[in-house]
Protein backbone atom coordinates (compact mmCIF):
# COMPACT_ATOMS: atom_id res chain seq x y z
CA UNK A 1 150.99 2.32 87.35
CA UNK A 2 152.98 4.14 90.09
CA UNK A 3 156.43 3.33 91.35
CA UNK A 4 158.04 4.62 94.50
CA UNK A 5 161.90 4.50 94.95
CA UNK A 6 163.41 4.99 98.32
CA UNK A 7 167.15 5.82 98.21
CA UNK A 8 169.29 5.83 101.29
CA UNK A 9 172.93 6.05 102.05
CA UNK A 10 174.43 2.58 102.81
CA UNK A 11 175.31 1.78 106.41
CA UNK A 12 178.78 3.08 107.23
CA UNK A 13 178.60 5.96 104.82
CA UNK A 14 178.92 9.39 106.46
CA UNK A 15 175.62 11.29 106.42
CA UNK A 16 176.27 14.86 107.15
CA UNK A 17 172.73 16.04 106.39
CA UNK A 18 171.29 13.47 108.88
CA UNK A 19 173.89 14.63 111.37
CA UNK A 20 172.86 18.23 110.89
CA UNK A 21 169.30 17.40 111.47
CA UNK A 22 170.14 15.28 114.55
CA UNK A 23 172.08 18.26 115.97
CA UNK A 24 169.24 20.67 115.11
CA UNK A 25 166.70 18.33 116.77
CA UNK A 26 168.84 18.28 119.93
CA UNK A 27 169.01 22.09 120.01
CA UNK A 28 165.26 22.09 119.95
CA UNK A 29 165.10 19.90 122.97
CA UNK A 30 164.60 16.49 121.32
CA UNK A 31 167.58 14.95 123.11
CA UNK A 32 166.30 11.39 122.85
CA UNK A 33 167.23 11.36 119.07
CA UNK A 34 170.49 9.53 118.74
CA UNK A 35 170.79 9.25 114.98
CA UNK A 36 169.21 10.46 111.81
CA UNK A 37 169.59 9.16 108.27
CA UNK A 38 168.40 11.21 105.48
CA UNK A 39 167.39 9.93 102.11
CA UNK A 40 164.96 10.67 99.06
CA UNK A 41 161.84 9.31 97.80
CA UNK A 42 161.25 9.38 94.03
CA UNK A 43 157.71 8.84 92.68
CA UNK A 44 157.23 7.80 89.08
CA UNK A 45 154.04 7.46 86.90
CA UNK A 46 154.57 4.61 84.50
CA UNK A 47 152.70 3.80 81.27
CA UNK A 48 153.59 0.03 81.83
CA UNK A 49 150.74 -2.13 83.02
CA UNK A 50 152.67 -5.33 83.76
CA UNK A 51 153.96 -5.16 87.41
CA UNK A 52 156.98 -7.43 86.69
CA UNK A 53 158.15 -5.34 83.71
CA UNK A 54 157.51 -2.15 85.66
CA UNK A 55 159.72 -3.31 88.49
CA UNK A 56 162.51 -4.43 86.12
CA UNK A 57 162.31 -1.04 84.37
CA UNK A 58 162.48 0.95 87.55
CA UNK A 59 165.38 -1.16 88.89
CA UNK A 60 167.27 -0.45 85.71
CA UNK A 61 166.48 3.37 86.14
CA UNK A 62 167.89 3.02 89.74
CA UNK A 63 171.09 1.29 88.63
CA UNK A 64 171.70 3.87 85.83
CA UNK A 65 170.57 7.14 87.29
CA UNK A 66 168.36 7.36 90.37
CA UNK A 67 170.81 5.90 92.86
CA UNK A 68 174.60 6.00 93.27
CA UNK A 69 174.84 2.29 94.09
CA UNK A 70 178.47 2.67 95.36
CA UNK A 71 177.20 4.64 98.39
CA UNK A 72 173.44 4.30 98.19
CA UNK A 73 170.92 1.46 98.52
CA UNK A 74 167.39 1.61 97.09
CA UNK A 75 164.08 0.00 97.49
CA UNK A 76 161.34 -0.14 94.67
CA UNK A 77 157.66 -0.28 95.37
CA UNK A 78 155.18 -0.78 92.52
CA UNK A 79 151.50 0.08 92.96
């Protein structure tokens, strides 16, 4: 089973990497980009075959390691 976790900074948290990308895009002539938020995607291969248990396990991984839940939010997808 595969899991995909998307981690993004929460709204209102300063995103200096996103701002740097927005600035660079503007310098390249893409002036219509008014905001960029940068995050990360983590893909996991799981031995678990039960979707509910896999989602529970990955959520626990996010809470303990994969996301800093003070400043980041996350979304889990199980395939």
